[in-house]
Amino acid sequence: SIDSHAEVHVNSTSLVTKHSRTEIV
């Protein structure tokens, strides 16, 4: 009945590296 209102939070232990710090964009 309310599954579309479930909490959406990221897993605080699964941090990701977004990009290489020498990248040219």
mmCIF file of all heavy atoms, coordinates in Angstrom:
data_MODEL
# 
_entry.id   MODEL 
# 
loop_
_atom_site.group_PDB 
_atom_site.id 
_atom_site.type_symbol 
_atom_site.label_atom_id 
_atom_site.label_alt_id 
_atom_site.label_comp_id 
_atom_site.label_asym_id 
_atom_site.label_entity_id 
_atom_site.label_seq_id 
_atom_site.pdbx_PDB_ins_code 
_atom_site.Cartn_x 
_atom_site.Cartn_y 
_atom_site.Cartn_z 
_atom_site.occupancy 
_atom_site.B_iso_or_equiv 
_atom_site.pdbx_formal_charge 
_atom_site.auth_seq_id 
_atom_site.auth_comp_id 
_atom_site.auth_asym_id 
_atom_site.auth_atom_id 
_atom_site.pdbx_PDB_model_num 
ATOM 1   N N   . SER A 1 1  ? 0.797  -1.219 0.000   1.00 0.00 ? 1  SER A N   1 
ATOM 2   C CA  . SER A 1 1  ? 0.000  0.000  0.000   1.00 0.00 ? 1  SER A CA  1 
ATOM 3   C C   . SER A 1 1  ? 0.826  1.264  0.000   1.00 0.00 ? 1  SER A C   1 
ATOM 4   O O   . SER A 1 1  ? 0.385  2.292  -0.479  1.00 0.00 ? 1  SER A O   1 
ATOM 5   C CB  . SER A 1 1  ? -0.933 0.011  1.224   1.00 0.00 ? 1  SER A CB  1 
ATOM 6   O OG  . SER A 1 1  ? -1.812 -1.083 1.153   1.00 0.00 ? 1  SER A OG  1 
ATOM 7   N N   . ILE A 1 2  ? 2.009  1.221  0.582   1.00 0.00 ? 2  ILE A N   1 
ATOM 8   C CA  . ILE A 1 2  ? 2.801  2.447  0.655   1.00 0.00 ? 2  ILE A CA  1 
ATOM 9   C C   . ILE A 1 2  ? 4.243  2.186  0.241   1.00 0.00 ? 2  ILE A C   1 
ATOM 10  O O   . ILE A 1 2  ? 5.150  2.893  0.640   1.00 0.00 ? 2  ILE A O   1 
ATOM 11  C CB  . ILE A 1 2  ? 2.772  3.070  2.071   1.00 0.00 ? 2  ILE A CB  1 
ATOM 12  C CG1 . ILE A 1 2  ? 3.143  2.049  3.144   1.00 0.00 ? 2  ILE A CG1 1 
ATOM 13  C CG2 . ILE A 1 2  ? 1.428  3.652  2.380   1.00 0.00 ? 2  ILE A CG2 1 
ATOM 14  C CD1 . ILE A 1 2  ? 3.227  2.653  4.523   1.00 0.00 ? 2  ILE A CD1 1 
ATOM 15  N N   . ASP A 1 3  ? 4.448  1.179  -0.611  1.00 0.00 ? 3  ASP A N   1 
ATOM 16  C CA  . ASP A 1 3  ? 5.821  0.873  -0.993  1.00 0.00 ? 3  ASP A CA  1 
ATOM 17  C C   . ASP A 1 3  ? 6.456  2.011  -1.783  1.00 0.00 ? 3  ASP A C   1 
ATOM 18  O O   . ASP A 1 3  ? 7.657  2.169  -1.770  1.00 0.00 ? 3  ASP A O   1 
ATOM 19  C CB  . ASP A 1 3  ? 5.877  -0.423 -1.803  1.00 0.00 ? 3  ASP A CB  1 
ATOM 20  C CG  . ASP A 1 3  ? 4.966  -0.419 -3.011  1.00 0.00 ? 3  ASP A CG  1 
ATOM 21  O OD1 . ASP A 1 3  ? 4.126  0.479  -3.116  1.00 0.00 ? 3  ASP A OD1 1 
ATOM 22  O OD2 . ASP A 1 3  ? 5.107  -1.321 -3.842  1.00 0.00 ? 3  ASP A OD2 1 
ATOM 23  N N   . SER A 1 4  ? 5.647  2.854  -2.448  1.00 0.00 ? 4  SER A N   1 
ATOM 24  C CA  . SER A 1 4  ? 6.233  3.954  -3.205  1.00 0.00 ? 4  SER A CA  1 
ATOM 25  C C   . SER A 1 4  ? 6.707  5.070  -2.298  1.00 0.00 ? 4  SER A C   1 
ATOM 26  O O   . SER A 1 4  ? 7.308  6.023  -2.749  1.00 0.00 ? 4  SER A O   1 
ATOM 27  C CB  . SER A 1 4  ? 5.210  4.526  -4.185  1.00 0.00 ? 4  SER A CB  1 
ATOM 28  O OG  . SER A 1 4  ? 4.091  5.045  -3.496  1.00 0.00 ? 4  SER A OG  1 
ATOM 29  N N   . HIS A 1 5  ? 6.463  4.947  -0.993  1.00 0.00 ? 5  HIS A N   1 
ATOM 30  C CA  . HIS A 1 5  ? 6.871  5.992  -0.063  1.00 0.00 ? 5  HIS A CA  1 
ATOM 31  C C   . HIS A 1 5  ? 7.984  5.504  0.858   1.00 0.00 ? 5  HIS A C   1 
ATOM 32  O O   . HIS A 1 5  ? 8.233  6.073  1.909   1.00 0.00 ? 5  HIS A O   1 
ATOM 33  C CB  . HIS A 1 5  ? 5.671  6.461  0.768   1.00 0.00 ? 5  HIS A CB  1 
ATOM 34  C CG  . HIS A 1 5  ? 4.470  6.697  -0.085  1.00 0.00 ? 5  HIS A CG  1 
ATOM 35  N ND1 . HIS A 1 5  ? 4.406  7.701  -1.006  1.00 0.00 ? 5  HIS A ND1 1 
ATOM 36  C CD2 . HIS A 1 5  ? 3.308  6.010  -0.199  1.00 0.00 ? 5  HIS A CD2 1 
ATOM 37  C CE1 . HIS A 1 5  ? 3.242  7.647  -1.631  1.00 0.00 ? 5  HIS A CE1 1 
ATOM 38  N NE2 . HIS A 1 5  ? 2.572  6.632  -1.166  1.00 0.00 ? 5  HIS A NE2 1 
ATOM 39  N N   . ALA A 1 6  ? 8.624  4.424  0.472   1.00 0.00 ? 6  ALA A N   1 
ATOM 40  C CA  . ALA A 1 6  ? 9.699  3.888  1.300   1.00 0.00 ? 6  ALA A CA  1 
ATOM 41  C C   . ALA A 1 6  ? 10.843 4.871  1.391   1.00 0.00 ? 6  ALA A C   1 
ATOM 42  O O   . ALA A 1 6  ? 11.075 5.666  0.501   1.00 0.00 ? 6  ALA A O   1 
ATOM 43  C CB  . ALA A 1 6  ? 10.210 2.575  0.702   1.00 0.00 ? 6  ALA A CB  1 
ATOM 44  N N   . GLU A 1 7  ? 11.572 4.815  2.493   1.00 0.00 ? 7  GLU A N   1 
ATOM 45  C CA  . GLU A 1 7  ? 12.724 5.693  2.654   1.00 0.00 ? 7  GLU A CA  1 
ATOM 46  C C   . GLU A 1 7  ? 13.793 5.318  1.637   1.00 0.00 ? 7  GLU A C   1 
ATOM 47  O O   . GLU A 1 7  ? 14.060 4.155  1.394   1.00 0.00 ? 7  GLU A O   1 
ATOM 48  C CB  . GLU A 1 7  ? 13.306 5.558  4.064   1.00 0.00 ? 7  GLU A CB  1 
ATOM 49  C CG  . GLU A 1 7  ? 12.400 6.129  5.146   1.00 0.00 ? 7  GLU A CG  1 
ATOM 50  C CD  . GLU A 1 7  ? 12.922 5.821  6.507   1.00 0.00 ? 7  GLU A CD  1 
ATOM 51  O OE1 . GLU A 1 7  ? 12.899 4.643  6.878   1.00 0.00 ? 7  GLU A OE1 1 
ATOM 52  O OE2 . GLU A 1 7  ? 13.363 6.738  7.203   1.00 0.00 ? 7  GLU A OE2 1 
ATOM 53  N N   . VAL A 1 8  ? 14.409 6.342  1.072   1.00 0.00 ? 8  VAL A N   1 
ATOM 54  C CA  . VAL A 1 8  ? 15.491 6.119  0.127   1.00 0.00 ? 8  VAL A CA  1 
ATOM 55  C C   . VAL A 1 8  ? 16.731 6.806  0.675   1.00 0.00 ? 8  VAL A C   1 
ATOM 56  O O   . VAL A 1 8  ? 16.833 8.022  0.654   1.00 0.00 ? 8  VAL A O   1 
ATOM 57  C CB  . VAL A 1 8  ? 15.146 6.687  -1.270  1.00 0.00 ? 8  VAL A CB  1 
ATOM 58  C CG1 . VAL A 1 8  ? 16.313 6.488  -2.222  1.00 0.00 ? 8  VAL A CG1 1 
ATOM 59  C CG2 . VAL A 1 8  ? 13.901 6.014  -1.814  1.00 0.00 ? 8  VAL A CG2 1 
ATOM 60  N N   . HIS A 1 9  ? 17.631 6.035  1.211   1.00 0.00 ? 9  HIS A N   1 
ATOM 61  C CA  . HIS A 1 9  ? 18.891 6.575  1.711   1.00 0.00 ? 9  HIS A CA  1 
ATOM 62  C C   . HIS A 1 9  ? 20.018 5.675  1.223   1.00 0.00 ? 9  HIS A C   1 
ATOM 63  O O   . HIS A 1 9  ? 19.871 4.460  1.129   1.00 0.00 ? 9  HIS A O   1 
ATOM 64  C CB  . HIS A 1 9  ? 18.912 6.633  3.245   1.00 0.00 ? 9  HIS A CB  1 
ATOM 65  C CG  . HIS A 1 9  ? 17.961 7.637  3.815   1.00 0.00 ? 9  HIS A CG  1 
ATOM 66  N ND1 . HIS A 1 9  ? 18.016 8.972  3.483   1.00 0.00 ? 9  HIS A ND1 1 
ATOM 67  C CD2 . HIS A 1 9  ? 16.922 7.508  4.666   1.00 0.00 ? 9  HIS A CD2 1 
ATOM 68  C CE1 . HIS A 1 9  ? 17.060 9.621  4.126   1.00 0.00 ? 9  HIS A CE1 1 
ATOM 69  N NE2 . HIS A 1 9  ? 16.377 8.746  4.842   1.00 0.00 ? 9  HIS A NE2 1 
ATOM 70  N N   . VAL A 1 10 ? 21.147 6.296  0.943   1.00 0.00 ? 10 VAL A N   1 
ATOM 71  C CA  . VAL A 1 10 ? 22.263 5.511  0.457   1.00 0.00 ? 10 VAL A CA  1 
ATOM 72  C C   . VAL A 1 10 ? 22.907 4.758  1.597   1.00 0.00 ? 10 VAL A C   1 
ATOM 73  O O   . VAL A 1 10 ? 22.759 5.098  2.757   1.00 0.00 ? 10 VAL A O   1 
ATOM 74  C CB  . VAL A 1 10 ? 23.311 6.421  -0.218  1.00 0.00 ? 10 VAL A CB  1 
ATOM 75  C CG1 . VAL A 1 10 ? 22.701 7.144  -1.394  1.00 0.00 ? 10 VAL A CG1 1 
ATOM 76  C CG2 . VAL A 1 10 ? 23.878 7.424  0.769   1.00 0.00 ? 10 VAL A CG2 1 
ATOM 77  N N   . ASN A 1 11 ? 23.633 3.736  1.255   1.00 0.00 ? 11 ASN A N   1 
ATOM 78  C CA  . ASN A 1 11 ? 24.396 2.974  2.225   1.00 0.00 ? 11 ASN A CA  1 
ATOM 79  C C   . ASN A 1 11 ? 25.656 3.758  2.564   1.00 0.00 ? 11 ASN A C   1 
ATOM 80  O O   . ASN A 1 11 ? 26.514 3.978  1.729   1.00 0.00 ? 11 ASN A O   1 
ATOM 81  C CB  . ASN A 1 11 ? 24.769 1.607  1.629   1.00 0.00 ? 11 ASN A CB  1 
ATOM 82  C CG  . ASN A 1 11 ? 25.505 0.737  2.627   1.00 0.00 ? 11 ASN A CG  1 
ATOM 83  O OD1 . ASN A 1 11 ? 26.001 1.204  3.641   1.00 0.00 ? 11 ASN A OD1 1 
ATOM 84  N ND2 . ASN A 1 11 ? 25.561 -0.555 2.324   1.00 0.00 ? 11 ASN A ND2 1 
ATOM 85  N N   . SER A 1 12 ? 25.755 4.199  3.804   1.00 0.00 ? 12 SER A N   1 
ATOM 86  C CA  . SER A 1 12 ? 26.859 5.076  4.178   1.00 0.00 ? 12 SER A CA  1 
ATOM 87  C C   . SER A 1 12 ? 28.207 4.377  4.136   1.00 0.00 ? 12 SER A C   1 
ATOM 88  O O   . SER A 1 12 ? 29.243 5.019  4.195   1.00 0.00 ? 12 SER A O   1 
ATOM 89  C CB  . SER A 1 12 ? 26.628 5.626  5.596   1.00 0.00 ? 12 SER A CB  1 
ATOM 90  O OG  . SER A 1 12 ? 26.574 4.572  6.538   1.00 0.00 ? 12 SER A OG  1 
ATOM 91  N N   . THR A 1 13 ? 28.222 3.063  4.034   1.00 0.00 ? 13 THR A N   1 
ATOM 92  C CA  . THR A 1 13 ? 29.509 2.359  4.000   1.00 0.00 ? 13 THR A CA  1 
ATOM 93  C C   . THR A 1 13 ? 29.995 2.110  2.583   1.00 0.00 ? 13 THR A C   1 
ATOM 94  O O   . THR A 1 13 ? 31.127 1.697  2.376   1.00 0.00 ? 13 THR A O   1 
ATOM 95  C CB  . THR A 1 13 ? 29.385 1.000  4.725   1.00 0.00 ? 13 THR A CB  1 
ATOM 96  O OG1 . THR A 1 13 ? 28.418 0.203  4.052   1.00 0.00 ? 13 THR A OG1 1 
ATOM 97  C CG2 . THR A 1 13 ? 28.967 1.207  6.178   1.00 0.00 ? 13 THR A CG2 1 
ATOM 98  N N   . SER A 1 14 ? 29.118 2.361  1.583   1.00 0.00 ? 14 SER A N   1 
ATOM 99  C CA  . SER A 1 14 ? 29.514 2.062  0.205   1.00 0.00 ? 14 SER A CA  1 
ATOM 100 C C   . SER A 1 14 ? 29.861 3.340  -0.541  1.00 0.00 ? 14 SER A C   1 
ATOM 101 O O   . SER A 1 14 ? 29.189 3.735  -1.469  1.00 0.00 ? 14 SER A O   1 
ATOM 102 C CB  . SER A 1 14 ? 28.391 1.320  -0.530  1.00 0.00 ? 14 SER A CB  1 
ATOM 103 O OG  . SER A 1 14 ? 27.245 2.133  -0.593  1.00 0.00 ? 14 SER A OG  1 
ATOM 104 N N   . LEU A 1 15 ? 30.894 4.029  -0.075  1.00 0.00 ? 15 LEU A N   1 
ATOM 105 C CA  . LEU A 1 15 ? 31.315 5.260  -0.717  1.00 0.00 ? 15 LEU A CA  1 
ATOM 106 C C   . LEU A 1 15 ? 32.036 4.934  -2.016  1.00 0.00 ? 15 LEU A C   1 
ATOM 107 O O   . LEU A 1 15 ? 32.731 3.934  -2.134  1.00 0.00 ? 15 LEU A O   1 
ATOM 108 C CB  . LEU A 1 15 ? 32.243 6.045  0.221   1.00 0.00 ? 15 LEU A CB  1 
ATOM 109 C CG  . LEU A 1 15 ? 31.627 6.376  1.595   1.00 0.00 ? 15 LEU A CG  1 
ATOM 110 C CD1 . LEU A 1 15 ? 32.641 7.080  2.460   1.00 0.00 ? 15 LEU A CD1 1 
ATOM 111 C CD2 . LEU A 1 15 ? 30.392 7.230  1.414   1.00 0.00 ? 15 LEU A CD2 1 
ATOM 112 N N   . VAL A 1 16 ? 31.836 5.805  -3.011  1.00 0.00 ? 16 VAL A N   1 
ATOM 113 C CA  . VAL A 1 16 ? 32.412 5.532  -4.319  1.00 0.00 ? 16 VAL A CA  1 
ATOM 114 C C   . VAL A 1 16 ? 33.349 6.649  -4.732  1.00 0.00 ? 16 VAL A C   1 
ATOM 115 O O   . VAL A 1 16 ? 33.213 7.783  -4.310  1.00 0.00 ? 16 VAL A O   1 
ATOM 116 C CB  . VAL A 1 16 ? 31.294 5.393  -5.386  1.00 0.00 ? 16 VAL A CB  1 
ATOM 117 C CG1 . VAL A 1 16 ? 30.412 4.219  -5.089  1.00 0.00 ? 16 VAL A CG1 1 
ATOM 118 C CG2 . VAL A 1 16 ? 30.467 6.671  -5.489  1.00 0.00 ? 16 VAL A CG2 1 
ATOM 119 N N   . THR A 1 17 ? 34.314 6.331  -5.568  1.00 0.00 ? 17 THR A N   1 
ATOM 120 C CA  . THR A 1 17 ? 35.175 7.335  -6.158  1.00 0.00 ? 17 THR A CA  1 
ATOM 121 C C   . THR A 1 17 ? 34.510 7.828  -7.428  1.00 0.00 ? 17 THR A C   1 
ATOM 122 O O   . THR A 1 17 ? 34.252 7.053  -8.336  1.00 0.00 ? 17 THR A O   1 
ATOM 123 C CB  . THR A 1 17 ? 36.562 6.742  -6.483  1.00 0.00 ? 17 THR A CB  1 
ATOM 124 O OG1 . THR A 1 17 ? 37.120 6.237  -5.274  1.00 0.00 ? 17 THR A OG1 1 
ATOM 125 C CG2 . THR A 1 17 ? 37.468 7.807  -7.074  1.00 0.00 ? 17 THR A CG2 1 
ATOM 126 N N   . LYS A 1 18 ? 34.245 9.142  -7.512  1.00 0.00 ? 18 LYS A N   1 
ATOM 127 C CA  . LYS A 1 18 ? 33.439 9.663  -8.608  1.00 0.00 ? 18 LYS A CA  1 
ATOM 128 C C   . LYS A 1 18 ? 34.246 9.845  -9.880  1.00 0.00 ? 18 LYS A C   1 
ATOM 129 O O   . LYS A 1 18 ? 33.727 9.766  -10.970 1.00 0.00 ? 18 LYS A O   1 
ATOM 130 C CB  . LYS A 1 18 ? 32.826 11.000 -8.208  1.00 0.00 ? 18 LYS A CB  1 
ATOM 131 C CG  . LYS A 1 18 ? 31.870 10.908 -7.050  1.00 0.00 ? 18 LYS A CG  1 
ATOM 132 C CD  . LYS A 1 18 ? 31.331 12.279 -6.713  1.00 0.00 ? 18 LYS A CD  1 
ATOM 133 C CE  . LYS A 1 18 ? 32.475 13.197 -6.357  1.00 0.00 ? 18 LYS A CE  1 
ATOM 134 N NZ  . LYS A 1 18 ? 32.084 14.568 -6.099  1.00 0.00 ? 18 LYS A NZ  1 
ATOM 135 N N   . HIS A 1 19 ? 35.513 10.186 -9.760  1.00 0.00 ? 19 HIS A N   1 
ATOM 136 C CA  . HIS A 1 19 ? 36.295 10.486 -10.950 1.00 0.00 ? 19 HIS A CA  1 
ATOM 137 C C   . HIS A 1 19 ? 37.761 10.537 -10.597 1.00 0.00 ? 19 HIS A C   1 
ATOM 138 O O   . HIS A 1 19 ? 38.147 10.634 -9.448  1.00 0.00 ? 19 HIS A O   1 
ATOM 139 C CB  . HIS A 1 19 ? 35.866 11.826 -11.554 1.00 0.00 ? 19 HIS A CB  1 
ATOM 140 C CG  . HIS A 1 19 ? 35.728 12.912 -10.522 1.00 0.00 ? 19 HIS A CG  1 
ATOM 141 N ND1 . HIS A 1 19 ? 36.788 13.365 -9.768  1.00 0.00 ? 19 HIS A ND1 1 
ATOM 142 C CD2 . HIS A 1 19 ? 34.637 13.600 -10.114 1.00 0.00 ? 19 HIS A CD2 1 
ATOM 143 C CE1 . HIS A 1 19 ? 36.371 14.309 -8.947  1.00 0.00 ? 19 HIS A CE1 1 
ATOM 144 N NE2 . HIS A 1 19 ? 35.077 14.461 -9.119  1.00 0.00 ? 19 HIS A NE2 1 
ATOM 145 N N   . SER A 1 20 ? 38.552 10.465 -11.606 1.00 0.00 ? 20 SER A N   1 
ATOM 146 C CA  . SER A 1 20 ? 39.986 10.657 -11.428 1.00 0.00 ? 20 SER A CA  1 
ATOM 147 C C   . SER A 1 20 ? 40.275 12.137 -11.283 1.00 0.00 ? 20 SER A C   1 
ATOM 148 O O   . SER A 1 20 ? 39.780 12.960 -12.033 1.00 0.00 ? 20 SER A O   1 
ATOM 149 C CB  . SER A 1 20 ? 40.750 10.109 -12.642 1.00 0.00 ? 20 SER A CB  1 
ATOM 150 O OG  . SER A 1 20 ? 42.076 10.569 -12.624 1.00 0.00 ? 20 SER A OG  1 
ATOM 151 N N   . ARG A 1 21 ? 41.119 12.498 -10.349 1.00 0.00 ? 21 ARG A N   1 
ATOM 152 C CA  . ARG A 1 21 ? 41.356 13.897 -10.048 1.00 0.00 ? 21 ARG A CA  1 
ATOM 153 C C   . ARG A 1 21 ? 42.251 14.601 -11.067 1.00 0.00 ? 21 ARG A C   1 
ATOM 154 O O   . ARG A 1 21 ? 42.584 15.757 -10.911 1.00 0.00 ? 21 ARG A O   1 
ATOM 155 C CB  . ARG A 1 21 ? 41.971 14.028 -8.652  1.00 0.00 ? 21 ARG A CB  1 
ATOM 156 C CG  . ARG A 1 21 ? 40.928 13.956 -7.550  1.00 0.00 ? 21 ARG A CG  1 
ATOM 157 C CD  . ARG A 1 21 ? 39.986 15.111 -7.669  1.00 0.00 ? 21 ARG A CD  1 
ATOM 158 N NE  . ARG A 1 21 ? 38.899 15.007 -6.696  1.00 0.00 ? 21 ARG A NE  1 
ATOM 159 C CZ  . ARG A 1 21 ? 37.878 15.809 -6.689  1.00 0.00 ? 21 ARG A CZ  1 
ATOM 160 N NH1 . ARG A 1 21 ? 37.752 16.723 -7.612  1.00 0.00 ? 21 ARG A NH1 1 
ATOM 161 N NH2 . ARG A 1 21 ? 36.942 15.685 -5.793  1.00 0.00 ? 21 ARG A NH2 1 
ATOM 162 N N   . THR A 1 22 ? 42.664 13.918 -12.100 1.00 0.00 ? 22 THR A N   1 
ATOM 163 C CA  . THR A 1 22 ? 43.446 14.585 -13.143 1.00 0.00 ? 22 THR A CA  1 
ATOM 164 C C   . THR A 1 22 ? 42.650 14.710 -14.432 1.00 0.00 ? 22 THR A C   1 
ATOM 165 O O   . THR A 1 22 ? 43.167 15.115 -15.456 1.00 0.00 ? 22 THR A O   1 
ATOM 166 C CB  . THR A 1 22 ? 44.736 13.797 -13.439 1.00 0.00 ? 22 THR A CB  1 
ATOM 167 O OG1 . THR A 1 22 ? 44.393 12.477 -13.850 1.00 0.00 ? 22 THR A OG1 1 
ATOM 168 C CG2 . THR A 1 22 ? 45.622 13.732 -12.208 1.00 0.00 ? 22 THR A CG2 1 
ATOM 169 N N   . GLU A 1 23 ? 41.368 14.342 -14.368 1.00 0.00 ? 23 GLU A N   1 
ATOM 170 C CA  . GLU A 1 23 ? 40.534 14.307 -15.562 1.00 0.00 ? 23 GLU A CA  1 
ATOM 171 C C   . GLU A 1 23 ? 40.282 15.715 -16.107 1.00 0.00 ? 23 GLU A C   1 
ATOM 172 O O   . GLU A 1 23 ? 40.143 16.688 -15.370 1.00 0.00 ? 23 GLU A O   1 
ATOM 173 C CB  . GLU A 1 23 ? 39.185 13.655 -15.197 1.00 0.00 ? 23 GLU A CB  1 
ATOM 174 C CG  . GLU A 1 23 ? 38.266 13.439 -16.362 1.00 0.00 ? 23 GLU A CG  1 
ATOM 175 C CD  . GLU A 1 23 ? 37.002 12.749 -15.923 1.00 0.00 ? 23 GLU A CD  1 
ATOM 176 O OE1 . GLU A 1 23 ? 36.913 12.368 -14.736 1.00 0.00 ? 23 GLU A OE1 1 
ATOM 177 O OE2 . GLU A 1 23 ? 36.093 12.603 -16.750 1.00 0.00 ? 23 GLU A OE2 1 
ATOM 178 N N   . ILE A 1 24 ? 40.219 15.822 -17.451 1.00 0.00 ? 24 ILE A N   1 
ATOM 179 C CA  . ILE A 1 24 ? 39.833 17.064 -18.096 1.00 0.00 ? 24 ILE A CA  1 
ATOM 180 C C   . ILE A 1 24 ? 38.381 16.922 -18.543 1.00 0.00 ? 24 ILE A C   1 
ATOM 181 O O   . ILE A 1 24 ? 38.025 15.937 -19.181 1.00 0.00 ? 24 ILE A O   1 
ATOM 182 C CB  . ILE A 1 24 ? 40.702 17.348 -19.342 1.00 0.00 ? 24 ILE A CB  1 
ATOM 183 C CG1 . ILE A 1 24 ? 42.163 17.455 -18.938 1.00 0.00 ? 24 ILE A CG1 1 
ATOM 184 C CG2 . ILE A 1 24 ? 40.221 18.596 -20.064 1.00 0.00 ? 24 ILE A CG2 1 
ATOM 185 C CD1 . ILE A 1 24 ? 42.544 18.748 -18.275 1.00 0.00 ? 24 ILE A CD1 1 
ATOM 186 N N   . VAL A 1 25 ? 37.525 17.880 -18.178 1.00 0.00 ? 25 VAL A N   1 
ATOM 187 C CA  . VAL A 1 25 ? 36.125 17.794 -18.574 1.00 0.00 ? 25 VAL A CA  1 
ATOM 188 C C   . VAL A 1 25 ? 35.741 19.061 -19.314 1.00 0.00 ? 25 VAL A C   1 
ATOM 189 O O   . VAL A 1 25 ? 36.289 20.132 -19.080 1.00 0.00 ? 25 VAL A O   1 
ATOM 190 C CB  . VAL A 1 25 ? 35.197 17.603 -17.342 1.00 0.00 ? 25 VAL A CB  1 
ATOM 191 C CG1 . VAL A 1 25 ? 35.500 16.298 -16.657 1.00 0.00 ? 25 VAL A CG1 1 
ATOM 192 C CG2 . VAL A 1 25 ? 35.334 18.766 -16.370 1.00 0.00 ? 25 VAL A CG2 1 
# 
